[in-house]
């Protein structure tokens, strides 16, 4: 498990620019201990470096190609998947170099099975989430591929305690049945919650069996189904705390008291970069309102609310630095 510590900070995953080496060194440098550095994602490099394209690289025996409508499941791998694999391999090579000698937590990110099912197209152009068989195949392929990925990162950075973040921005839409049909008429049927929870649990379990010390599910969308995510057996949730509202915080309260972690998206990624006190307040105020014990803040990691790829590099560094400063302020309050 990830050790309890006041003042932890991290990032969501994406970063501006196209220079993998510079981005990797920057993130390692901006997140000193007890921070949680991460495998940087650079979607600015184009198709294959995006959230779905990167995850598709990990789908075992489940090739994809790129169409005007987006990524599509196909029978055999082609040029698009090969390009995505090449960029992913470069990212891992750079990670091995910049994180050489690193000891402690190191986070990797991957799109979750339900976001993939909601994003990947079948050959008839409908979303894969419409086909229960395709959904089962995606869950199994991702679970196996993620396990291999965790094992590979552990080999490349032997001192790392691998943390796995599963990104599920489309999970709410899958549960609500609000994903539009390919025709544009109507919406696809909602997937039943037990099916969603079981699929997510399979992926998280595979990561843990492969050696991940900590698993989290991230979503910066509004109306995140907190209770459903907790039932999947995740170690922690990564959420935009400004979107939680009273109901969301109340759902989190018992889980936090029971040992769950909160990766608190408390630094906005638009507008002025906040002061450390404002970052701390975003967590401290609802925390105290719920009557949660201050020592439980050792299981809070402060992050930006979402990825930083759309920002200028200097602004991205400022946002990450604000997360670090806000985490220290929060830790100081908890120990005062």
Protein backbone atom coordinates (compact mmCIF):
# COMPACT_ATOMS: atom_id res chain seq x y z
CA UNK A 1 0.00 0.00 0.00
CA UNK A 2 0.97 3.62 -0.46
CA UNK A 3 2.33 4.84 2.87
CA UNK A 4 0.45 7.52 4.77
CA UNK A 5 2.15 10.91 4.64
CA UNK A 6 1.09 14.52 5.00
CA UNK A 7 1.78 16.84 2.09
CA UNK A 8 1.62 14.50 -0.90
CA UNK A 9 1.02 15.98 -4.35
CA UNK A 10 0.87 14.61 -7.87
CA UNK A 11 -0.53 15.31 -11.33
CA UNK A 12 -3.29 13.73 -13.36
CA UNK A 13 -1.09 12.62 -16.24
CA UNK A 14 -1.14 14.78 -19.37
CA UNK A 15 1.43 17.50 -20.06
CA UNK A 16 1.94 20.14 -22.77
CA UNK A 17 4.43 19.87 -25.60
CA UNK A 18 6.03 17.05 -27.55
CA UNK A 19 9.45 16.67 -25.87
CA UNK A 20 9.19 13.48 -23.82
CA UNK A 21 12.58 13.84 -22.14
CA UNK A 22 12.00 17.43 -21.02
CA UNK A 23 8.51 16.63 -19.75
CA UNK A 24 9.72 13.61 -17.80
CA UNK A 25 12.54 15.51 -16.15
CA UNK A 26 10.24 18.42 -15.32
CA UNK A 27 7.66 16.24 -13.58
CA UNK A 28 10.29 14.36 -11.58
CA UNK A 29 11.80 17.68 -10.53
CA UNK A 30 8.51 19.36 -9.62
CA UNK A 31 7.33 16.51 -7.38
CA UNK A 32 9.92 16.01 -4.65
CA UNK A 33 9.33 13.48 -1.88
CA UNK A 34 6.64 12.84 -0.66
CA UNK A 35 5.24 13.70 -4.08
CA UNK A 36 4.08 11.06 -6.55
CA UNK A 37 5.74 11.52 -9.96
CA UNK A 38 4.06 9.97 -12.97
CA UNK A 39 4.61 8.62 -16.47
CA UNK A 40 3.97 11.74 -18.53
CA UNK A 41 1.42 11.70 -21.36
CA UNK A 42 1.91 14.13 -24.25
CA UNK A 43 -1.27 14.15 -26.38
CA UNK A 44 0.14 17.10 -28.33
CA UNK A 45 2.10 14.58 -30.39
CA UNK A 46 -1.14 13.65 -32.14
CA UNK A 47 -3.19 10.48 -32.71
CA UNK A 48 -1.84 7.57 -30.73
CA UNK A 49 -0.68 9.80 -27.89
CA UNK A 50 -4.28 10.55 -26.86
CA UNK A 51 -6.05 8.86 -23.95
CA UNK A 52 -7.79 6.22 -26.04
CA UNK A 53 -4.90 5.57 -28.41
CA UNK A 54 -2.44 5.01 -25.55
CA UNK A 55 -4.78 2.56 -23.82
CA UNK A 56 -5.40 0.72 -27.09
CA UNK A 57 -1.69 -0.13 -27.15
CA UNK A 58 -2.27 -2.24 -24.04
CA UNK A 59 -5.26 -4.20 -25.38
CA UNK A 60 -3.92 -7.74 -25.84
CA UNK A 61 -4.92 -9.33 -29.18
CA UNK A 62 -7.42 -6.52 -29.76
CA UNK A 63 -6.09 -4.28 -32.56
CA UNK A 64 -7.50 -0.91 -33.52
CA UNK A 65 -7.14 1.59 -36.34
CA UNK A 66 -8.02 5.26 -36.67
CA UNK A 67 -11.01 6.45 -38.68
CA UNK A 68 -12.54 9.93 -39.09
CA UNK A 69 -15.04 8.90 -36.41
CA UNK A 70 -12.29 7.83 -34.00
CA UNK A 71 -10.54 4.63 -32.98
CA UNK A 72 -12.14 1.42 -34.30
CA UNK A 73 -11.75 -2.25 -33.40
CA UNK A 74 -10.33 -4.20 -36.36
CA UNK A 75 -9.10 -7.71 -37.21
CA UNK A 76 -5.41 -6.97 -37.59
CA UNK A 77 -2.99 -4.22 -36.49
CA UNK A 78 -1.99 -1.52 -38.93
CA UNK A 79 0.00 1.67 -39.25
CA UNK A 80 -2.05 3.67 -36.71
CA UNK A 81 -1.54 1.17 -33.92
CA UNK A 82 2.12 0.79 -34.77
CA UNK A 83 2.59 4.55 -34.43
CA UNK A 84 0.86 4.51 -31.05
CA UNK A 85 3.06 1.62 -29.91
CA UNK A 86 6.17 3.47 -31.04
CA UNK A 87 5.30 6.55 -28.98
CA UNK A 88 4.40 4.45 -25.97
CA UNK A 89 7.72 2.62 -26.23
CA UNK A 90 9.56 5.95 -26.39
CA UNK A 91 7.74 7.08 -23.25
CA UNK A 92 8.88 3.97 -21.37
CA UNK A 93 12.47 4.33 -22.58
CA UNK A 94 12.56 7.91 -21.31
CA UNK A 95 10.96 6.88 -18.03
CA UNK A 96 13.70 4.32 -17.45
CA UNK A 97 16.31 7.06 -17.98
CA UNK A 98 14.82 9.97 -16.03
CA UNK A 99 13.58 7.77 -13.15
CA UNK A 100 16.83 5.82 -12.83
CA UNK A 101 17.42 5.32 -9.11
CA UNK A 102 13.94 6.51 -8.15
CA UNK A 103 12.61 5.04 -4.92
CA UNK A 104 8.99 5.26 -3.85
CA UNK A 105 5.64 5.75 -5.58
CA UNK A 106 5.47 6.20 -9.35
CA UNK A 107 2.10 6.56 -11.08
CA UNK A 108 1.02 5.31 -14.48
CA UNK A 109 -2.31 6.13 -16.13
CA UNK A 110 -4.60 4.26 -18.50
CA UNK A 111 -8.10 4.77 -19.87
CA UNK A 112 -10.53 2.47 -18.08
CA UNK A 113 -12.55 -0.30 -19.72
CA UNK A 114 -15.82 1.63 -19.81
CA UNK A 115 -14.30 4.78 -21.25
CA UNK A 116 -12.71 2.57 -23.90
CA UNK A 117 -16.00 0.80 -24.57
CA UNK A 118 -17.69 4.18 -24.92
CA UNK A 119 -14.97 5.50 -27.26
CA UNK A 120 -13.98 2.58 -29.50
CA UNK A 121 -16.15 1.84 -32.52
CA UNK A 122 -17.22 -1.52 -33.87
CA UNK A 123 -16.81 -2.26 -37.58
CA UNK A 124 -20.41 -1.16 -38.12
CA UNK A 125 -19.45 2.18 -36.51
CA UNK A 126 -21.57 1.84 -33.37
CA UNK A 127 -19.79 2.28 -30.04
CA UNK A 128 -18.43 -0.92 -28.53
CA UNK A 129 -20.42 -0.29 -25.36
CA UNK A 130 -23.53 -1.32 -27.32
CA UNK A 131 -22.22 -4.90 -27.61
CA UNK A 132 -21.94 -6.89 -24.34
CA UNK A 133 -19.52 -9.33 -25.95
CA UNK A 134 -17.25 -6.52 -27.13
CA UNK A 135 -17.34 -5.04 -23.63
CA UNK A 136 -16.25 -8.34 -22.09
CA UNK A 137 -13.43 -8.61 -24.63
CA UNK A 138 -12.23 -5.07 -23.86
CA UNK A 139 -12.24 -5.74 -20.11
CA UNK A 140 -10.23 -8.96 -20.53
CA UNK A 141 -7.78 -7.46 -23.04
CA UNK A 142 -7.15 -4.38 -20.91
CA UNK A 143 -6.75 -6.39 -17.70
CA UNK A 144 -4.09 -8.58 -19.32
CA UNK A 145 -2.31 -5.68 -21.00
CA UNK A 146 -2.30 -3.50 -17.90
CA UNK A 147 -0.82 -6.35 -15.87
CA UNK A 148 2.00 -6.63 -18.42
CA UNK A 149 2.49 -2.86 -18.33
CA UNK A 150 2.79 -2.79 -14.53
CA UNK A 151 5.32 -5.62 -14.64
CA UNK A 152 7.34 -3.80 -17.30
CA UNK A 153 7.44 -0.54 -15.34
CA UNK A 154 8.61 -2.44 -12.27
CA UNK A 155 11.46 -3.90 -14.33
CA UNK A 156 12.42 -0.54 -15.83
CA UNK A 157 12.35 1.29 -12.48
CA UNK A 158 13.15 -1.39 -9.88
CA UNK A 159 12.80 0.96 -6.92
CA UNK A 160 9.33 2.15 -7.89
CA UNK A 161 6.14 1.37 -6.02
CA UNK A 162 3.78 1.42 -8.98
CA UNK A 163 0.51 3.28 -8.57
CA UNK A 164 -2.12 2.65 -11.27
CA UNK A 165 -4.62 5.35 -12.20
CA UNK A 166 -7.58 4.21 -14.31
CA UNK A 167 -9.19 7.14 -16.13
CA UNK A 168 -12.97 6.82 -16.47
CA UNK A 169 -14.40 10.13 -17.72
CA UNK A 170 -17.20 8.28 -19.56
CA UNK A 171 -18.29 6.02 -16.70
CA UNK A 172 -21.23 8.18 -15.68
CA UNK A 173 -22.54 8.31 -19.24
CA UNK A 174 -22.26 4.52 -19.53
CA UNK A 175 -24.31 4.05 -16.36
CA UNK A 176 -26.86 6.71 -17.31
CA UNK A 177 -27.34 5.59 -20.90
CA UNK A 178 -26.50 9.03 -22.27
CA UNK A 179 -24.07 8.00 -25.03
CA UNK A 180 -25.45 8.97 -28.43
CA UNK A 181 -25.98 6.34 -31.11
CA UNK A 182 -23.80 6.51 -34.22
CA UNK A 183 -26.86 7.54 -36.22
CA UNK A 184 -27.34 10.56 -34.00
CA UNK A 185 -30.85 9.39 -33.10
CA UNK A 186 -31.36 8.45 -29.48
CA UNK A 187 -28.92 6.99 -26.99
CA UNK A 188 -27.39 3.62 -26.32
CA UNK A 189 -28.88 1.57 -23.52
CA UNK A 190 -27.30 2.01 -20.10
CA UNK A 191 -25.02 -0.77 -18.86
CA UNK A 192 -26.19 -2.27 -15.58
CA UNK A 193 -24.19 -1.17 -12.57
CA UNK A 194 -23.10 -4.69 -11.45
CA UNK A 195 -21.64 -5.29 -14.91
CA UNK A 196 -19.78 -1.98 -14.82
CA UNK A 197 -18.47 -2.60 -11.30
CA UNK A 198 -17.34 -6.15 -12.12
CA UNK A 199 -15.51 -5.06 -15.25
CA UNK A 200 -13.70 -2.28 -13.46
CA UNK A 201 -12.85 -4.60 -10.59
CA UNK A 202 -11.31 -7.13 -13.01
CA UNK A 203 -8.96 -4.49 -14.39
CA UNK A 204 -7.97 -3.18 -10.94
CA UNK A 205 -7.40 -6.70 -9.63
CA UNK A 206 -5.14 -7.55 -12.56
CA UNK A 207 -3.01 -4.47 -11.84
CA UNK A 208 -2.71 -5.38 -8.17
CA UNK A 209 -1.77 -9.00 -8.92
CA UNK A 210 0.95 -7.69 -11.25
CA UNK A 211 2.50 -5.71 -8.40
CA UNK A 212 0.74 -2.34 -8.28
CA UNK A 213 0.78 -1.12 -4.67
CA UNK A 214 -2.17 1.23 -5.07
CA UNK A 215 -5.04 1.65 -7.54
CA UNK A 216 -7.15 4.74 -8.12
CA UNK A 217 -9.94 5.69 -10.49
CA UNK A 218 -9.89 9.23 -11.89
CA UNK A 219 -12.68 11.33 -13.32
CA UNK A 220 -12.87 15.10 -13.57
CA UNK A 221 -16.49 14.98 -14.76
CA UNK A 222 -19.47 16.18 -12.77
CA UNK A 223 -21.76 13.65 -11.12
CA UNK A 224 -19.13 10.96 -10.62
CA UNK A 225 -20.81 7.75 -9.33
CA UNK A 226 -18.76 7.61 -6.15
CA UNK A 227 -20.62 4.67 -4.62
CA UNK A 228 -20.19 2.54 -7.76
CA UNK A 229 -16.46 3.23 -7.91
CA UNK A 230 -16.00 2.30 -4.28
CA UNK A 231 -17.81 -0.99 -4.84
CA UNK A 232 -15.21 -1.88 -7.47
CA UNK A 233 -12.61 -2.24 -4.71
CA UNK A 234 -10.45 0.73 -5.66
CA UNK A 235 -7.88 2.00 -3.13
CA UNK A 236 -8.64 5.63 -3.85
CA UNK A 237 -10.59 8.08 -5.99
CA UNK A 238 -9.15 10.98 -7.98
CA UNK A 239 -11.84 13.67 -8.31
CA UNK A 240 -12.33 17.36 -8.96
CA UNK A 241 -13.38 18.35 -5.43
CA UNK A 242 -15.10 21.50 -6.66
CA UNK A 243 -17.69 19.29 -8.42
CA UNK A 244 -18.39 16.93 -5.53
CA UNK A 245 -21.01 18.98 -3.71
CA UNK A 246 -22.42 17.99 -0.34
CA UNK A 247 -23.74 14.65 -1.57
CA UNK A 248 -20.42 13.63 -3.05
CA UNK A 249 -18.49 14.53 0.08
CA UNK A 250 -21.02 12.70 2.23
CA UNK A 251 -20.60 9.58 0.09
CA UNK A 252 -16.84 9.84 0.46
CA UNK A 253 -16.86 10.35 4.23
CA UNK A 254 -17.41 6.73 5.35
CA UNK A 255 -14.97 5.47 2.73
CA UNK A 256 -12.25 7.85 3.93
CA UNK A 257 -12.82 6.76 7.51
CA UNK A 258 -12.59 3.16 6.31
CA UNK A 259 -9.16 3.59 4.73
CA UNK A 260 -9.81 4.88 1.21
CA UNK A 261 -7.59 7.56 -0.29
CA UNK A 262 -8.64 10.80 -1.92
CA UNK A 263 -6.61 12.21 -4.77
CA UNK A 264 -8.08 15.66 -4.45
CA UNK A 265 -8.25 17.73 -7.63
CA UNK A 266 -7.96 21.05 -5.85
CA UNK A 267 -5.94 23.19 -8.28
CA UNK A 268 -8.02 24.58 -11.18
CA UNK A 269 -6.47 24.21 -14.63
CA UNK A 270 -8.00 27.44 -15.94
CA UNK A 271 -7.85 30.99 -14.67
CA UNK A 272 -5.31 32.34 -12.21
CA UNK A 273 -3.11 29.85 -10.37
CA UNK A 274 -4.42 29.77 -6.78
CA UNK A 275 -2.48 30.49 -3.61
CA UNK A 276 -1.51 27.57 -1.35
CA UNK A 277 -4.13 28.58 1.23
CA UNK A 278 -6.89 28.47 -1.38
CA UNK A 279 -5.79 25.03 -2.54
CA UNK A 280 -5.79 23.76 1.04
CA UNK A 281 -9.21 25.33 1.71
CA UNK A 282 -10.75 23.31 -1.13
CA UNK A 283 -10.16 20.17 0.93
CA UNK A 284 -9.92 21.50 4.48
CA UNK A 285 -13.32 23.24 4.56
CA UNK A 286 -15.52 20.26 3.55
CA UNK A 287 -13.27 17.94 5.55
CA UNK A 288 -13.93 19.83 8.76
CA UNK A 289 -17.61 20.24 7.92
CA UNK A 290 -17.95 16.47 7.78
CA UNK A 291 -16.09 16.09 11.06
CA UNK A 292 -13.37 13.92 9.55
CA UNK A 293 -10.27 13.43 11.69
CA UNK A 294 -7.31 15.63 10.64
CA UNK A 295 -4.94 12.64 10.73
CA UNK A 296 -6.90 11.08 7.85
CA UNK A 297 -5.44 13.82 5.64
CA UNK A 298 -2.36 11.61 5.45
CA UNK A 299 -4.33 9.70 2.83
CA UNK A 300 -4.98 12.76 0.66
CA UNK A 301 -2.89 13.53 -2.43
CA UNK A 302 -3.41 17.03 -3.86
CA UNK A 303 -3.53 17.29 -7.67
CA UNK A 304 -4.72 19.62 -10.41
CA UNK A 305 -8.38 19.15 -11.26
CA UNK A 306 -7.57 17.65 -14.66
CA UNK A 307 -4.74 17.12 -17.13
CA UNK A 308 -2.43 19.97 -18.13
CA UNK A 309 -1.90 19.32 -21.85
CA UNK A 310 -3.85 22.41 -22.96
CA UNK A 311 -1.71 24.80 -20.92
CA UNK A 312 1.52 26.56 -21.77
CA UNK A 313 4.51 24.70 -20.30
CA UNK A 314 5.27 27.51 -17.84
CA UNK A 315 1.67 27.54 -16.63
CA UNK A 316 1.63 23.76 -16.28
CA UNK A 317 4.69 23.95 -14.03
CA UNK A 318 2.99 26.68 -11.96
CA UNK A 319 -0.15 24.57 -11.55
CA UNK A 320 1.88 21.55 -10.44
CA UNK A 321 3.89 23.73 -8.06
CA UNK A 322 0.61 25.03 -6.62
CA UNK A 323 -0.46 21.45 -5.93
CA UNK A 324 2.80 20.84 -4.06
CA UNK A 325 2.49 24.06 -2.04
CA UNK A 326 -1.20 23.43 -1.31
CA UNK A 327 -0.45 19.91 -0.12
CA UNK A 328 2.18 21.23 2.28
CA UNK A 329 -0.25 23.82 3.61
CA UNK A 330 -2.92 21.16 4.10
CA UNK A 331 -0.45 18.94 5.94
CA UNK A 332 0.62 21.81 8.18
CA UNK A 333 -2.99 22.51 9.14
CA UNK A 334 -3.63 18.85 9.93
CA UNK A 335 -0.65 18.73 12.27
CA UNK A 336 -1.23 22.07 14.00
